[in-house]
């Protein structure tokens, strides 16, 4: 069991940072996706006019 403590310490930090970054990126991707959808709708409306 003692040999696992350093491994968890070394690997745990990168995992926590990765999860944090993925959560942040997920929110930004959702905003970007919504913006692209709105832009598509705007372009479609402009073509009809």
PDB file of N, CA and C in Angstrom:
ATOM      1  N   UNK A   1       0.826  -1.206   0.000  1.00  0.00           N
ATOM      2  CA  UNK A   1       0.000   0.000   0.000  1.00  0.00           C
ATOM      3  C   UNK A   1       0.858   1.253   0.000  1.00  0.00           C
ATOM      4  N   UNK A   2       1.985   1.211   0.680  1.00  0.00           N
ATOM      5  CA  UNK A   2       2.854   2.388   0.766  1.00  0.00           C
ATOM      6  C   UNK A   2       3.417   2.781  -0.595  1.00  0.00           C
ATOM      7  N   UNK A   3       3.592   1.820  -1.474  1.00  0.00           N
ATOM      8  CA  UNK A   3       4.150   2.134  -2.791  1.00  0.00           C
ATOM      9  C   UNK A   3       3.142   2.854  -3.683  1.00  0.00           C
ATOM     10  N   UNK A   4       1.851   2.769  -3.377  1.00  0.00           N
ATOM     11  CA  UNK A   4       0.821   3.417  -4.185  1.00  0.00           C
ATOM     12  C   UNK A   4       0.658   4.891  -3.857  1.00  0.00           C
ATOM     13  N   UNK A   5       1.029   5.301  -2.667  1.00  0.00           N
ATOM     14  CA  UNK A   5       0.839   6.701  -2.258  1.00  0.00           C
ATOM     15  C   UNK A   5       1.606   7.665  -3.160  1.00  0.00           C
ATOM     16  N   UNK A   6       2.880   7.427  -3.464  1.00  0.00           N
ATOM     17  CA  UNK A   6       3.566   8.347  -4.392  1.00  0.00           C
ATOM     18  C   UNK A   6       2.963   8.341  -5.797  1.00  0.00           C
ATOM     19  N   UNK A   7       2.497   7.184  -6.245  1.00  0.00           N
ATOM     20  CA  UNK A   7       1.900   7.102  -7.579  1.00  0.00           C
ATOM     21  C   UNK A   7       0.633   7.943  -7.633  1.00  0.00           C
ATOM     22  N   UNK A   8      -0.207   7.828  -6.606  1.00  0.00           N
ATOM     23  CA  UNK A   8      -1.433   8.627  -6.556  1.00  0.00           C
ATOM     24  C   UNK A   8      -1.088  10.106  -6.495  1.00  0.00           C
ATOM     25  N   UNK A   9      -0.068  10.456  -5.727  1.00  0.00           N
ATOM     26  CA  UNK A   9       0.353  11.854  -5.630  1.00  0.00           C
ATOM     27  C   UNK A   9       0.843  12.404  -6.955  1.00  0.00           C
ATOM     28  N   UNK A  10       1.577  11.596  -7.694  1.00  0.00           N
ATOM     29  CA  UNK A  10       2.124  12.047  -8.974  1.00  0.00           C
ATOM     30  C   UNK A  10       1.063  12.074 -10.068  1.00  0.00           C
ATOM     31  N   UNK A  11       0.212  11.097 -10.095  1.00  0.00           N
ATOM     32  CA  UNK A  11      -0.781  10.982 -11.157  1.00  0.00           C
ATOM     33  C   UNK A  11      -2.040  11.775 -10.826  1.00  0.00           C
ATOM     34  N   UNK A  12      -2.360  11.932  -9.561  1.00  0.00           N
ATOM     35  CA  UNK A  12      -3.590  12.609  -9.154  1.00  0.00           C
ATOM     36  C   UNK A  12      -3.656  14.051  -9.598  1.00  0.00           C
ATOM     37  N   UNK A  13      -2.571  14.784  -9.459  1.00  0.00           N
ATOM     38  CA  UNK A  13      -2.561  16.197  -9.836  1.00  0.00           C
ATOM     39  C   UNK A  13      -2.852  16.395 -11.318  1.00  0.00           C
ATOM     40  N   UNK A  14      -2.174  15.680 -12.211  1.00  0.00           N
ATOM     41  CA  UNK A  14      -2.509  15.848 -13.634  1.00  0.00           C
ATOM     42  C   UNK A  14      -3.954  15.475 -13.962  1.00  0.00           C
ATOM     43  N   UNK A  15      -4.490  14.476 -13.272  1.00  0.00           N
ATOM     44  CA  UNK A  15      -5.881  14.091 -13.521  1.00  0.00           C
ATOM     45  C   UNK A  15      -6.818  15.205 -13.109  1.00  0.00           C
ATOM     46  N   UNK A  16      -6.563  15.807 -11.949  1.00  0.00           N
ATOM     47  CA  UNK A  16      -7.412  16.901 -11.475  1.00  0.00           C
ATOM     48  C   UNK A  16      -7.346  18.078 -12.440  1.00  0.00           C
ATOM     49  N   UNK A  17      -6.171  18.439 -12.894  1.00  0.00           N
ATOM     50  CA  UNK A  17      -6.015  19.555 -13.833  1.00  0.00           C
ATOM     51  C   UNK A  17      -6.720  19.237 -15.153  1.00  0.00           C
ATOM     52  N   UNK A  18      -6.579  18.010 -15.630  1.00  0.00           N
ATOM     53  CA  UNK A  18      -7.234  17.613 -16.875  1.00  0.00           C
ATOM     54  C   UNK A  18      -8.744  17.706 -16.760  1.00  0.00           C
ATOM     55  N   UNK A  19      -9.295  17.227 -15.659  1.00  0.00           N
ATOM     56  CA  UNK A  19     -10.746  17.299 -15.456  1.00  0.00           C
ATOM     57  C   UNK A  19     -11.211  18.750 -15.404  1.00  0.00           C
ATOM     58  N   UNK A  20     -10.469  19.599 -14.710  1.00  0.00           N
ATOM     59  CA  UNK A  20     -10.817  21.023 -14.621  1.00  0.00           C
ATOM     60  C   UNK A  20     -10.844  21.658 -16.009  1.00  0.00           C
ATOM     61  N   UNK A  21      -9.816  21.390 -16.795  1.00  0.00           N
ATOM     62  CA  UNK A  21      -9.746  21.976 -18.135  1.00  0.00           C
ATOM     63  C   UNK A  21     -10.852  21.436 -19.043  1.00  0.00           C
ATOM     64  N   UNK A  22     -11.150  20.153 -18.942  1.00  0.00           N
ATOM     65  CA  UNK A  22     -12.221  19.583 -19.764  1.00  0.00           C
ATOM     66  C   UNK A  22     -13.572  20.189 -19.420  1.00  0.00           C
ATOM     67  N   UNK A  23     -13.818  20.418 -18.146  1.00  0.00           N
ATOM     68  CA  UNK A  23     -15.084  21.028 -17.738  1.00  0.00           C
ATOM     69  C   UNK A  23     -15.182  22.454 -18.271  1.00  0.00           C
ATOM     70  N   UNK A  24     -14.092  23.201 -18.191  1.00  0.00           N
ATOM     71  CA  UNK A  24     -14.103  24.577 -18.704  1.00  0.00           C
ATOM     72  C   UNK A  24     -14.295  24.594 -20.210  1.00  0.00           C
ATOM     73  N   UNK A  25     -13.594  23.717 -20.912  1.00  0.00           N
ATOM     74  CA  UNK A  25     -13.694  23.677 -22.371  1.00  0.00           C
ATOM     75  C   UNK A  25     -15.099  23.261 -22.796  1.00  0.00           C
ATOM     76  N   UNK A  26     -15.723  22.359 -22.039  1.00  0.00           N
ATOM     77  CA  UNK A  26     -17.073  21.910 -22.383  1.00  0.00           C
ATOM     78  C   UNK A  26     -18.048  23.084 -22.405  1.00  0.00           C
ATOM     79  N   UNK A  27     -17.962  23.951 -21.414  1.00  0.00           N
ATOM     80  CA  UNK A  27     -18.839  25.126 -21.373  1.00  0.00           C
ATOM     81  C   UNK A  27     -18.589  26.061 -22.540  1.00  0.00           C
ATOM     82  N   UNK A  28     -17.322  26.253 -22.876  1.00  0.00           N
ATOM     83  CA  UNK A  28     -16.990  27.145 -23.983  1.00  0.00           C
ATOM     84  C   UNK A  28     -17.427  26.547 -25.319  1.00  0.00           C
ATOM     85  N   UNK A  29     -17.334  25.232 -25.452  1.00  0.00           N
ATOM     86  CA  UNK A  29     -17.785  24.586 -26.685  1.00  0.00           C
ATOM     87  C   UNK A  29     -19.291  24.718 -26.853  1.00  0.00           C
ATOM     88  N   UNK A  30     -20.021  24.662 -25.757  1.00  0.00           N
ATOM     89  CA  UNK A  30     -21.473  24.826 -25.835  1.00  0.00           C
ATOM     90  C   UNK A  30     -21.830  26.234 -26.302  1.00  0.00           C
ATOM     91  N   UNK A  31     -21.141  27.235 -25.770  1.00  0.00           N
ATOM     92  CA  UNK A  31     -21.383  28.619 -26.194  1.00  0.00           C
ATOM     93  C   UNK A  31     -21.031  28.782 -27.665  1.00  0.00           C
ATOM     94  N   UNK A  32     -19.923  28.202 -28.087  1.00  0.00           N
ATOM     95  CA  UNK A  32     -19.500  28.285 -29.482  1.00  0.00           C
ATOM     96  C   UNK A  32     -20.515  27.611 -30.402  1.00  0.00           C
ATOM     97  N   UNK A  33     -21.017  26.467 -29.991  1.00  0.00           N
ATOM     98  CA  UNK A  33     -22.020  25.757 -30.782  1.00  0.00           C
ATOM     99  C   UNK A  33     -23.292  26.584 -30.931  1.00  0.00           C
ATOM    100  N   UNK A  34     -23.727  27.213 -29.852  1.00  0.00           N
ATOM    101  CA  UNK A  34     -24.912  28.072 -29.919  1.00  0.00           C
ATOM    102  C   UNK A  34     -24.679  29.260 -30.845  1.00  0.00           C
ATOM    103  N   UNK A  35     -23.493  29.839 -30.794  1.00  0.00           N
ATOM    104  CA  UNK A  35     -23.174  30.977 -31.658  1.00  0.00           C
ATOM    105  C   UNK A  35     -23.185  30.567 -33.125  1.00  0.00           C
ATOM    106  N   UNK A  36     -22.661  29.398 -33.420  1.00  0.00           N
ATOM    107  CA  UNK A  36     -22.656  28.917 -34.803  1.00  0.00           C
ATOM    108  C   UNK A  36     -24.081  28.682 -35.286  1.00  0.00           C
ATOM    109  N   UNK A  37     -24.929  28.141 -34.430  1.00  0.00           N
ATOM    110  CA  UNK A  37     -26.334  27.926 -34.807  1.00  0.00           C
ATOM    111  C   UNK A  37     -27.035  29.249 -35.087  1.00  0.00           C
ATOM    112  N   UNK A  38     -26.798  30.240 -34.253  1.00  0.00           N
ATOM    113  CA  UNK A  38     -27.401  31.558 -34.465  1.00  0.00           C
ATOM    114  C   UNK A  38     -26.894  32.181 -35.757  1.00  0.00           C
ATOM    115  N   UNK A  39     -25.618  32.023 -36.031  1.00  0.00           N
ATOM    116  CA  UNK A  39     -25.043  32.562 -37.260  1.00  0.00           C
ATOM    117  C   UNK A  39     -25.650  31.881 -38.485  1.00  0.00           C
ATOM    118  N   UNK A  40     -25.830  30.578 -38.405  1.00  0.00           N
ATOM    119  CA  UNK A  40     -26.456  29.841 -39.504  1.00  0.00           C
ATOM    120  C   UNK A  40     -27.867  30.344 -39.755  1.00  0.00           C
ATOM    121  N   UNK A  41     -28.620  30.550 -38.678  1.00  0.00           N
ATOM    122  CA  UNK A  41     -29.983  31.069 -38.823  1.00  0.00           C
ATOM    123  C   UNK A  41     -29.984  32.471 -39.422  1.00  0.00           C
ATOM    124  N   UNK A  42     -29.045  33.307 -39.009  1.00  0.00           N
ATOM    125  CA  UNK A  42     -28.963  34.668 -39.543  1.00  0.00           C
ATOM    126  C   UNK A  42     -28.641  34.657 -41.028  1.00  0.00           C
ATOM    127  N   UNK A  43     -27.730  33.801 -41.432  1.00  0.00           N
ATOM    128  CA  UNK A  43     -27.358  33.712 -42.846  1.00  0.00           C
ATOM    129  C   UNK A  43     -28.540  33.212 -43.667  1.00  0.00           C
ATOM    130  N   UNK A  44     -29.265  32.228 -43.144  1.00  0.00           N
ATOM    131  CA  UNK A  44     -30.448  31.722 -43.856  1.00  0.00           C
ATOM    132  C   UNK A  44     -31.488  32.816 -44.026  1.00  0.00           C
ATOM    133  N   UNK A  45     -31.682  33.619 -42.999  1.00  0.00           N
ATOM    134  CA  UNK A  45     -32.643  34.717 -43.061  1.00  0.00           C
ATOM    135  C   UNK A  45     -32.204  35.762 -44.081  1.00  0.00           C
ATOM    136  N   UNK A  46     -30.914  36.051 -44.136  1.00  0.00           N
ATOM    137  CA  UNK A  46     -30.407  37.044 -45.083  1.00  0.00           C
ATOM    138  C   UNK A  46     -30.568  36.558 -46.521  1.00  0.00           C
ATOM    139  N   UNK A  47     -30.384  35.264 -46.764  1.00  0.00           N
ATOM    140  CA  UNK A  47     -30.517  34.724 -48.117  1.00  0.00           C
ATOM    141  C   UNK A  47     -31.952  34.816 -48.612  1.00  0.00           C
ATOM    142  N   UNK A  48     -32.911  34.668 -47.706  1.00  0.00           N
ATOM    143  CA  UNK A  48     -34.325  34.725 -48.082  1.00  0.00           C
ATOM    144  C   UNK A  48     -34.763  36.138 -48.442  1.00  0.00           C
ATOM    145  N   UNK A  49     -34.101  37.127 -47.875  1.00  0.00           N
ATOM    146  CA  UNK A  49     -34.525  38.525 -48.100  1.00  0.00           C
ATOM    147  C   UNK A  49     -34.126  39.051 -49.439  1.00  0.00           C
TER     148      UNK A  49
END
